[in-house]
C-alpha atoms as a PDB file:
ATOM      1  CA  MET A   1      -4.959  -6.970 -13.370  1.00  0.00           C
ATOM      2  CA  THR A   2      -6.883  -8.271 -10.362  1.00  0.00           C
ATOM      3  CA  GLN A   3     -10.306  -9.699 -11.200  1.00  0.00           C
ATOM      4  CA  LEU A   4     -12.739  -9.317  -8.327  1.00  0.00           C
ATOM      5  CA  THR A   5     -15.834 -11.469  -7.860  1.00  0.00           C
ATOM      6  CA  ALA A   6     -18.819 -10.339  -5.789  1.00  0.00           C
ATOM      7  CA  ILE A   7     -19.308 -12.394  -2.618  1.00  0.00           C
ATOM      8  CA  THR A   8     -22.897 -13.653  -2.540  1.00  0.00           C
ATOM      9  CA  PRO A   9     -24.572 -16.423  -0.502  1.00  0.00           C
ATOM     10  CA  ASP A  10     -25.416 -18.362  -3.653  1.00  0.00           C
ATOM     11  CA  ALA A  11     -21.831 -18.404  -4.886  1.00  0.00           C
ATOM     12  CA  PHE A  12     -19.918 -18.644  -1.588  1.00  0.00           C
ATOM     13  CA  ALA A  13     -22.135 -20.375   0.996  1.00  0.00           C
ATOM     14  CA  GLN A  14     -20.286 -23.655   0.451  1.00  0.00           C
ATOM     15  CA  ARG A  15     -16.833 -22.112   0.227  1.00  0.00           C
ATOM     16  CA  ASN A  16     -14.452 -20.736   2.855  1.00  0.00           C
ATOM     17  CA  TRP A  17     -11.458 -18.419   2.820  1.00  0.00           C
ATOM     18  CA  GLN A  18      -8.131 -18.202   4.616  1.00  0.00           C
ATOM     19  CA  ARG A  19      -5.922 -15.281   5.550  1.00  0.00           C
ATOM     20  CA  TYR A  20      -2.783 -14.610   3.579  1.00  0.00           C
ATOM     21  CA  ASN A  21       0.577 -15.559   5.081  1.00  0.00           C
ATOM     22  CA  SER A  22       2.764 -14.061   2.354  1.00  0.00           C
ATOM     23  CA  TYR A  23       3.090 -10.696   0.655  1.00  0.00           C
ATOM     24  CA  ALA A  24       4.074 -12.294  -2.645  1.00  0.00           C
ATOM     25  CA  PHE A  25       0.854 -10.855  -4.093  1.00  0.00           C
ATOM     26  CA  ALA A  26       2.448  -7.382  -3.741  1.00  0.00           C
ATOM     27  CA  ALA A  27       5.855  -8.283  -5.203  1.00  0.00           C
ATOM     28  CA  HIS A  28       5.091  -6.460  -8.475  1.00  0.00           C
ATOM     29  CA  LEU A  29       3.794  -3.224  -6.901  1.00  0.00           C
ATOM     30  CA  HIS A  30       6.380  -0.451  -7.087  1.00  0.00           C
ATOM     31  CA  PHE A  31       3.950   1.957  -5.452  1.00  0.00           C
ATOM     32  CA  ILE A  32       1.016   1.536  -3.068  1.00  0.00           C
ATOM     33  CA  PRO A  33      -1.791   4.090  -2.573  1.00  0.00           C
ATOM     34  CA  ALA A  34      -1.361   5.939   0.720  1.00  0.00           C
ATOM     35  CA  LEU A  35      -3.988   7.346   3.077  1.00  0.00           C
ATOM     36  CA  VAL A  36      -3.852  10.507   5.175  1.00  0.00           C
ATOM     37  CA  THR A  37      -4.766   8.517   8.281  1.00  0.00           C
ATOM     38  CA  GLU A  38      -1.553   6.475   8.078  1.00  0.00           C
ATOM     39  CA  LEU A  39       0.920   9.244   7.257  1.00  0.00           C
ATOM     40  CA  SER A  40       2.546   9.200  10.701  1.00  0.00           C
ATOM     41  CA  LYS A  41       3.482   5.534  10.192  1.00  0.00           C
ATOM     42  CA  LEU A  42       4.370   5.796   6.508  1.00  0.00           C
ATOM     43  CA  VAL A  43       6.735   8.768   6.755  1.00  0.00           C
ATOM     44  CA  PRO A  44       9.360   6.948   8.906  1.00  0.00           C
ATOM     45  CA  ALA A  45       9.139   3.823   6.752  1.00  0.00           C
ATOM     46  CA  LEU A  46       8.784   4.665   3.055  1.00  0.00           C
ATOM     47  CA  PRO A  47       9.220   7.609   0.693  1.00  0.00           C
ATOM     48  CA  LEU A  48       5.964   9.188  -0.430  1.00  0.00           C
ATOM     49  CA  GLY A  49       5.276  10.702  -3.819  1.00  0.00           C
ATOM     50  CA  PHE A  50       2.540  11.245  -6.348  1.00  0.00           C
ATOM     51  CA  ILE A  51       1.692   9.446  -9.560  1.00  0.00           C
ATOM     52  CA  GLN A  52      -0.605  10.813 -12.233  1.00  0.00           C
ATOM     53  CA  HIS A  53      -3.696   8.939 -13.368  1.00  0.00           C
ATOM     54  CA  GLU A  54      -5.476  10.679 -16.215  1.00  0.00           C
ATOM     55  CA  ALA A  55      -5.995  14.264 -14.979  1.00  0.00           C
ATOM     56  CA  GLN A  56      -5.539  13.557 -11.262  1.00  0.00           C
ATOM     57  CA  PHE A  57      -2.585  12.951  -9.005  1.00  0.00           C
ATOM     58  CA  GLN A  58      -2.591  10.213  -6.359  1.00  0.00           C
ATOM     59  CA  LEU A  59      -0.584   9.999  -3.153  1.00  0.00           C
ATOM     60  CA  VAL A  60       1.473   6.792  -3.012  1.00  0.00           C
ATOM     61  CA  ALA A  61       4.148   5.061  -0.963  1.00  0.00           C
ATOM     62  CA  LEU A  62       7.101   4.111  -3.155  1.00  0.00           C
ATOM     63  CA  THR A  63       8.467   0.593  -2.840  1.00  0.00           C
ATOM     64  CA  ALA A  64      10.768   0.722  -5.878  1.00  0.00           C
ATOM     65  CA  LEU A  65      11.723   3.101  -8.681  1.00  0.00           C
ATOM     66  CA  GLN A  66      11.345   0.492 -11.394  1.00  0.00           C
ATOM     67  CA  PRO A  67       7.960  -0.898 -12.503  1.00  0.00           C
ATOM     68  CA  ASP A  68       6.846  -4.417 -11.581  1.00  0.00           C
ATOM     69  CA  SER A  69       9.111  -4.683  -8.556  1.00  0.00           C
ATOM     70  CA  ASN A  70       8.762  -4.248  -4.817  1.00  0.00           C
ATOM     71  CA  LEU A  71      11.967  -4.052  -2.802  1.00  0.00           C
ATOM     72  CA  PHE A  72      10.121  -4.695   0.442  1.00  0.00           C
ATOM     73  CA  VAL A  73       8.802  -8.173  -0.386  1.00  0.00           C
ATOM     74  CA  ALA A  74      11.411 -10.790   0.486  1.00  0.00           C
ATOM     75  CA  PRO A  75      11.928 -13.864  -1.705  1.00  0.00           C
ATOM     76  CA  ASP A  76      10.031 -15.909   0.890  1.00  0.00           C
ATOM     77  CA  GLY A  77       7.127 -13.454   0.867  1.00  0.00           C
ATOM     78  CA  ARG A  78       7.876 -11.587   4.093  1.00  0.00           C
ATOM     79  CA  TRP A  79       7.336  -7.822   4.311  1.00  0.00           C
ATOM     80  CA  LEU A  80      10.650  -6.087   4.982  1.00  0.00           C
ATOM     81  CA  ALA A  81       9.578  -2.568   5.922  1.00  0.00           C
ATOM     82  CA  GLY A  82       8.392  -1.563   9.369  1.00  0.00           C
ATOM     83  CA  TYR A  83       4.822  -0.715   8.368  1.00  0.00           C
ATOM     84  CA  VAL A  84       2.315  -2.452   6.096  1.00  0.00           C
ATOM     85  CA  PRO A  85       0.144   0.037   4.161  1.00  0.00           C
ATOM     86  CA  ALA A  86      -3.574  -0.343   4.749  1.00  0.00           C
ATOM     87  CA  LEU A  87      -4.307  -1.136   1.111  1.00  0.00           C
ATOM     88  CA  LEU A  88      -2.229  -4.309   1.374  1.00  0.00           C
ATOM     89  CA  ARG A  89      -3.904  -5.486   4.556  1.00  0.00           C
ATOM     90  CA  SER A  90      -7.261  -5.871   2.810  1.00  0.00           C
ATOM     91  CA  HIS A  91      -5.974  -8.653   0.521  1.00  0.00           C
ATOM     92  CA  PRO A  92      -7.690 -10.620  -1.036  1.00  0.00           C
ATOM     93  CA  PHE A  93     -10.810  -8.467  -0.623  1.00  0.00           C
ATOM     94  CA  GLY A  94     -11.957  -5.276  -2.289  1.00  0.00           C
ATOM     95  CA  LEU A  95     -15.011  -3.121  -2.879  1.00  0.00           C
ATOM     96  CA  ALA A  96     -16.509  -2.650  -6.323  1.00  0.00           C
ATOM     97  CA  ARG A  97     -19.628  -1.030  -7.743  1.00  0.00           C
ATOM     98  CA  PRO A  98     -21.589  -3.130 -10.236  1.00  0.00           C
ATOM     99  CA  GLU A  99     -22.217  -1.395 -13.539  1.00  0.00           C
ATOM    100  CA  GLY A 100     -25.222   0.856 -13.067  1.00  0.00           C
ATOM    101  CA  GLY A 101     -25.229   0.315  -9.291  1.00  0.00           C
ATOM    102  CA  THR A 102     -24.789   2.907  -6.570  1.00  0.00           C
ATOM    103  CA  GLU A 103     -23.748   0.689  -3.645  1.00  0.00           C
ATOM    104  CA  ALA A 104     -20.318  -0.897  -3.450  1.00  0.00           C
ATOM    105  CA  VAL A 105     -20.313  -4.651  -2.818  1.00  0.00           C
ATOM    106  CA  LEU A 106     -17.694  -6.816  -1.142  1.00  0.00           C
ATOM    107  CA  CYS A 107     -15.620  -8.803  -3.617  1.00  0.00           C
ATOM    108  CA  ILE A 108     -12.713 -11.219  -3.512  1.00  0.00           C
ATOM    109  CA  ASP A 109      -9.851 -12.059  -5.824  1.00  0.00           C
ATOM    110  CA  GLU A 110     -10.594 -15.628  -6.871  1.00  0.00           C
ATOM    111  CA  ALA A 111      -7.089 -16.002  -8.280  1.00  0.00           C
ATOM    112  CA  SER A 112      -5.528 -15.315  -4.870  1.00  0.00           C
ATOM    113  CA  GLY A 113      -5.445 -18.992  -3.895  1.00  0.00           C
ATOM    114  CA  LEU A 114      -7.105 -18.104  -0.602  1.00  0.00           C
ATOM    115  CA  ILE A 115     -10.545 -19.557  -1.320  1.00  0.00           C
ATOM    116  CA  VAL A 116     -10.834 -23.049   0.127  1.00  0.00           C
ATOM    117  CA  ALA A 117     -13.438 -25.756   0.514  1.00  0.00           C
ATOM    118  CA  ALA A 118     -15.992 -25.651   3.307  1.00  0.00           C
ATOM    119  CA  GLY A 119     -14.540 -27.096   6.489  1.00  0.00           C
ATOM    120  CA  ALA A 120     -11.201 -25.352   6.104  1.00  0.00           C
ATOM    121  CA  GLY A 121     -10.346 -21.735   6.781  1.00  0.00           C
ATOM    122  CA  GLU A 122     -13.119 -19.298   7.704  1.00  0.00           C
ATOM    123  CA  ALA A 123     -16.710 -19.174   6.500  1.00  0.00           C
ATOM    124  CA  PHE A 124     -18.069 -16.358   4.369  1.00  0.00           C
ATOM    125  CA  PHE A 125     -21.599 -16.773   5.727  1.00  0.00           C
ATOM    126  CA  GLU A 126     -23.378 -18.086   8.785  1.00  0.00           C
ATOM    127  CA  GLU A 127     -25.983 -20.839   8.477  1.00  0.00           C
ATOM    128  CA  ASP A 128     -28.757 -18.235   8.291  1.00  0.00           C
ATOM    129  CA  GLY A 129     -27.127 -16.616   5.247  1.00  0.00           C
ATOM    130  CA  GLN A 130     -25.811 -13.592   7.119  1.00  0.00           C
ATOM    131  CA  PRO A 131     -22.155 -12.572   6.694  1.00  0.00           C
ATOM    132  CA  ALA A 132     -19.804 -14.182   9.209  1.00  0.00           C
ATOM    133  CA  GLN A 133     -18.235 -11.863  11.784  1.00  0.00           C
ATOM    134  CA  SER A 134     -14.853 -11.969  10.061  1.00  0.00           C
ATOM    135  CA  ILE A 135     -16.493 -10.857   6.811  1.00  0.00           C
ATOM    136  CA  LYS A 136     -18.244  -8.024   8.663  1.00  0.00           C
ATOM    137  CA  ASP A 137     -14.836  -6.979   9.980  1.00  0.00           C
ATOM    138  CA  VAL A 138     -13.459  -6.953   6.437  1.00  0.00           C
ATOM    139  CA  MET A 139     -16.397  -4.863   5.219  1.00  0.00           C
ATOM    140  CA  ASN A 140     -15.928  -2.347   8.030  1.00  0.00           C
ATOM    141  CA  PHE A 141     -12.205  -2.112   7.337  1.00  0.00           C
ATOM    142  CA  LEU A 142     -12.737  -1.533   3.624  1.00  0.00           C
ATOM    143  CA  ALA A 143     -15.464   1.032   4.281  1.00  0.00           C
ATOM    144  CA  ARG A 144     -13.002   2.971   6.455  1.00  0.00           C
ATOM    145  CA  VAL A 145     -10.308   2.672   3.782  1.00  0.00           C
ATOM    146  CA  GLU A 146     -12.687   3.995   1.136  1.00  0.00           C
ATOM    147  CA  HIS A 147     -13.693   6.912   3.378  1.00  0.00           C
ATOM    148  CA  ASP A 148     -10.040   7.783   3.969  1.00  0.00           C
ATOM    149  CA  ARG A 149      -9.192   7.336   0.285  1.00  0.00           C
ATOM    150  CA  LEU A 150     -11.760   9.977  -0.666  1.00  0.00           C
ATOM    151  CA  LEU A 151     -10.453  12.287   2.055  1.00  0.00           C
ATOM    152  CA  THR A 152      -6.890  11.771   0.833  1.00  0.00           C
ATOM    153  CA  GLN A 153      -7.844  12.496  -2.757  1.00  0.00           C
ATOM    154  CA  LYS A 154      -9.537  15.721  -1.698  1.00  0.00           C
ATOM    155  CA  THR A 155      -6.297  16.953  -0.117  1.00  0.00           C
ATOM    156  CA  VAL A 156      -4.214  15.945  -3.136  1.00  0.00           C
ATOM    157  CA  ASP A 157      -6.646  17.727  -5.453  1.00  0.00           C
ATOM    158  CA  ALA A 158      -6.169  20.876  -3.349  1.00  0.00           C
ATOM    159  CA  LEU A 159      -2.386  20.634  -3.765  1.00  0.00           C
ATOM    160  CA  GLN A 160      -2.819  20.143  -7.486  1.00  0.00           C
ATOM    161  CA  SER A 161      -5.153  23.140  -7.762  1.00  0.00           C
ATOM    162  CA  ALA A 162      -2.510  25.254  -6.028  1.00  0.00           C
ATOM    163  CA  ASN A 163       0.091  24.104  -8.611  1.00  0.00           C
ATOM    164  CA  LEU A 164       2.194  22.533  -5.868  1.00  0.00           C
ATOM    165  CA  ILE A 165       2.929  19.185  -7.534  1.00  0.00           C
ATOM    166  CA  GLN A 166       5.976  18.952  -9.787  1.00  0.00           C
ATOM    167  CA  PRO A 167       8.076  16.152 -11.359  1.00  0.00           C
ATOM    168  CA  TRP A 168      10.544  14.523  -8.973  1.00  0.00           C
ATOM    169  CA  ALA A 169      13.985  14.185 -10.540  1.00  0.00           C
ATOM    170  CA  LEU A 170      15.101  10.675  -9.568  1.00  0.00           C
ATOM    171  CA  THR A 171      17.612   8.300 -11.111  1.00  0.00           C
ATOM    172  CA  VAL A 172      18.393   4.603 -10.812  1.00  0.00           C
ATOM    173  CA  LYS A 173      21.592   2.783 -11.708  1.00  0.00           C
ATOM    174  CA  HIS A 174      21.476   0.060 -14.354  1.00  0.00           C
ATOM    175  CA  ASN A 175      24.690  -1.525 -15.630  1.00  0.00           C
ATOM    176  CA  GLU A 176      26.636   1.359 -14.064  1.00  0.00           C
ATOM    177  CA  ALA A 177      24.567   3.904 -16.014  1.00  0.00           C
ATOM    178  CA  ALA A 178      22.239   6.444 -14.373  1.00  0.00           C
ATOM    179  CA  ILE A 179      18.736   6.265 -15.801  1.00  0.00           C
ATOM    180  CA  GLN A 180      16.212   9.032 -15.263  1.00  0.00           C
ATOM    181  CA  VAL A 181      12.986   7.909 -13.589  1.00  0.00           C
ATOM    182  CA  SER A 182       9.806   9.455 -14.942  1.00  0.00           C
ATOM    183  CA  GLY A 183       6.221   9.509 -13.718  1.00  0.00           C
ATOM    184  CA  ILE A 184       6.889  10.289 -10.037  1.00  0.00           C
ATOM    185  CA  TYR A 185       6.027  13.682  -8.586  1.00  0.00           C
ATOM    186  CA  ARG A 186       6.708  15.649  -5.420  1.00  0.00           C
ATOM    187  CA  VAL A 187       5.573  18.789  -3.621  1.00  0.00           C
ATOM    188  CA  ASP A 188       7.142  21.986  -4.944  1.00  0.00           C
ATOM    189  CA  GLU A 189       8.601  23.274  -1.688  1.00  0.00           C
ATOM    190  CA  ALA A 190       9.752  26.588  -3.132  1.00  0.00           C
ATOM    191  CA  THR A 191       6.272  27.440  -4.387  1.00  0.00           C
ATOM    192  CA  LEU A 192       4.730  26.262  -1.113  1.00  0.00           C
ATOM    193  CA  ASN A 193       6.924  28.662   0.831  1.00  0.00           C
ATOM    194  CA  THR A 194       5.925  31.629  -1.332  1.00  0.00           C
ATOM    195  CA  LEU A 195       2.144  31.163  -1.253  1.00  0.00           C
ATOM    196  CA  ASP A 196       0.180  34.236  -0.332  1.00  0.00           C
ATOM    197  CA  GLU A 197      -2.017  34.268   2.747  1.00  0.00           C
ATOM    198  CA  THR A 198      -5.222  33.498   0.841  1.00  0.00           C
ATOM    199  CA  ALA A 199      -3.765  30.415  -0.868  1.00  0.00           C
ATOM    200  CA  TRP A 200      -2.143  29.265   2.385  1.00  0.00           C
ATOM    201  CA  LEU A 201      -5.405  29.484   4.314  1.00  0.00           C
ATOM    202  CA  ALA A 202      -7.237  27.616   1.546  1.00  0.00           C
ATOM    203  CA  LEU A 203      -4.774  24.733   1.854  1.00  0.00           C
ATOM    204  CA  ARG A 204      -5.067  24.736   5.623  1.00  0.00           C
ATOM    205  CA  ARG A 205      -8.862  24.565   5.453  1.00  0.00           C
ATOM    206  CA  SER A 206      -8.689  21.681   2.982  1.00  0.00           C
ATOM    207  CA  ALA A 207      -6.323  19.761   5.333  1.00  0.00           C
ATOM    208  CA  ALA A 208      -3.783  19.557   2.513  1.00  0.00           C
ATOM    209  CA  LEU A 209      -0.838  21.057   4.423  1.00  0.00           C
ATOM    210  CA  PRO A 210      -0.121  17.916   6.499  1.00  0.00           C
ATOM    211  CA  VAL A 211      -0.006  15.896   3.278  1.00  0.00           C
ATOM    212  CA  ALA A 212       2.402  18.362   1.696  1.00  0.00           C
ATOM    213  CA  TYR A 213       4.782  18.328   4.651  1.00  0.00           C
ATOM    214  CA  ALA A 214       4.519  14.557   5.083  1.00  0.00           C
ATOM    215  CA  GLN A 215       5.574  14.071   1.469  1.00  0.00           C
ATOM    216  CA  LEU A 216       8.479  16.484   1.847  1.00  0.00           C
ATOM    217  CA  PHE A 217       9.687  14.903   5.103  1.00  0.00           C
ATOM    218  CA  SER A 218       9.402  11.390   3.650  1.00  0.00           C
ATOM    219  CA  MET A 219      11.783  12.225   0.824  1.00  0.00           C
ATOM    220  CA  ASN A 220      14.610  11.545   3.259  1.00  0.00           C
ATOM    221  CA  GLN A 221      13.554   7.894   3.085  1.00  0.00           C
ATOM    222  CA  ILE A 222      14.463   7.601  -0.601  1.00  0.00           C
ATOM    223  CA  GLY A 223      17.781   6.100   0.512  1.00  0.00           C
ATOM    224  CA  VAL A 224      15.860   3.238   2.101  1.00  0.00           C
ATOM    225  CA  LEU A 225      15.105   2.001  -1.415  1.00  0.00           C
ATOM    226  CA  GLU A 226      18.809   1.617  -2.135  1.00  0.00           C
ATOM    227  CA  GLN A 227      19.356  -0.227   1.136  1.00  0.00           C
ATOM    228  CA  ALA A 228      16.364  -2.457   0.382  1.00  0.00           C
ATOM    229  CA  SER A 229      17.868  -3.258  -3.022  1.00  0.00           C
ATOM    230  CA  VAL A 230      21.088  -4.361  -1.337  1.00  0.00           C
ATOM    231  CA  THR A 231      19.093  -6.491   1.114  1.00  0.00           C
ATOM    232  CA  GLN A 232      17.224  -8.131  -1.768  1.00  0.00           C
ATOM    233  CA  LYS A 233      20.477  -9.077  -3.493  1.00  0.00           C
ATOM    234  CA  GLN A 234      21.816 -10.546  -0.264  1.00  0.00           C
ATOM    235  CA  LEU A 235      18.664 -12.570   0.326  1.00  0.00           C
ATOM    236  CA  ARG A 236      18.545 -13.914  -3.231  1.00  0.00           C
ATOM    237  CA  SER A 237      22.198 -14.882  -3.270  1.00  0.00           C
ATOM    238  CA  ALA A 238      22.185 -16.515   0.166  1.00  0.00           C
ATOM    239  CA  PRO A 239      22.359 -20.346   0.111  1.00  0.00           C
ATOM    240  CA  PRO A 240      19.237 -22.173   1.248  1.00  0.00           C
ATOM    241  CA  PRO A 241      19.214 -23.298   4.892  1.00  0.00           C
ATOM    242  CA  PRO A 242      20.475 -26.880   5.404  1.00  0.00           C
ATOM    243  CA  SER A 243      17.355 -27.893   7.319  1.00  0.00           C
ATOM    244  CA  PRO A 244      14.014 -26.317   8.287  1.00  0.00           C
ATOM    245  CA  LEU A 245      15.042 -26.968  11.893  1.00  0.00           C
ATOM    246  CA  PHE A 246      17.820 -24.404  11.550  1.00  0.00           C
ATOM    247  CA  ARG A 247      16.082 -21.927   9.302  1.00  0.00           C
ATOM    248  CA  GLN A 248      16.669 -18.314  10.270  1.00  0.00           C
ATOM    249  CA  PRO A 249      13.883 -15.769   9.735  1.00  0.00           C
ATOM    250  CA  THR A 250      14.290 -13.318   6.880  1.00  0.00           C
ATOM    251  CA  PRO A 251      15.720 -10.069   8.308  1.00  0.00           C
ATOM    252  CA  THR A 252      13.674  -6.930   7.987  1.00  0.00           C
ATOM    253  CA  LEU A 253      15.233  -3.519   7.381  1.00  0.00           C
ATOM    254  CA  LYS A 254      14.735  -2.910  11.089  1.00  0.00           C
ATOM    255  CA  ASP A 255      16.930  -5.934  11.823  1.00  0.00           C
ATOM    256  CA  ILE A 256      19.803  -4.454   9.825  1.00  0.00           C
ATOM    257  CA  GLY A 257      19.744  -1.077  11.480  1.00  0.00           C
ATOM    258  CA  PHE A 258      16.706   0.850  10.252  1.00  0.00           C
ATOM    259  CA  SER A 259      14.350   1.706  13.101  1.00  0.00           C
ATOM    260  CA  PHE A 260      10.739   1.876  11.963  1.00  0.00           C
ATOM    261  CA  SER A 261       7.400   1.485  13.701  1.00  0.00           C
ATOM    262  CA  ALA A 262       6.378  -2.170  13.789  1.00  0.00           C
ATOM    263  CA  GLU A 263       3.430  -3.661  11.952  1.00  0.00           C
ATOM    264  CA  GLU A 264       3.749  -7.398  12.286  1.00  0.00           C
ATOM    265  CA  THR A 265       0.197  -8.672  12.550  1.00  0.00           C
ATOM    266  CA  LEU A 266      -2.020  -9.659   9.665  1.00  0.00           C
ATOM    267  CA  ARG A 267      -5.488  -8.585  10.565  1.00  0.00           C
ATOM    268  CA  PHE A 268      -8.397  -6.520   9.350  1.00  0.00           C
ATOM    269  CA  ASP A 269      -8.418  -3.653  11.816  1.00  0.00           C
ATOM    270  CA  TRP A 270      -7.532   0.005  11.640  1.00  0.00           C
ATOM    271  CA  GLU A 271      -4.222   1.227  13.013  1.00  0.00           C
END
């Protein structure tokens, strides 16, 4: 579990940070929380579903059907899908509320390997103790993510209240045997189509209908997981390049015939 440390002038004035150049930190994530503001980019790239946490459901992008694996992180750390979910682009930063506090504070994962000595990378603070511009950009990005996370959860709660979330019957092959996957949910399309006018209007007012249809449309992308599994096997079995001078870049799913929207840059902005 990620351990976040609050970024304060006393603790970080003499330390710098650098941006990640690998998605290896996400290699164990078989789902990634999704936001309503990125649905148009997620639907063509990844299947969407719901997972249950305590009494609530959460909208997620699926990157594998087996825990502790991510079929879209290449062995060399490259991201293989055509879109990088917003929650990944905030690495290694996060927001957390101190116990008893009301305001969220900016934190960083000290185990990320991205904290460096002063003089390298980017500064956390200016000489006057104010956050550096790059840190302000991170804070703004995370504030927007948190706003959209709350909005997303509100729409999912509306779908749950309307009894529109049901188990998704999925299977994976292991040693030629089909194994039932549990813990992943989908929109109940049949129930959605039979809602009365009052229930339908309630969902429309809560902005939950776009989420429902996005999840249903994205189910066609479940086959992308199988293709990504094949790509992973090919990449892991390929011999190493004879020389860095002749090294070929790791192919993305787009390179092998899947056309997705591109998200190639690593930056803290909203797209």
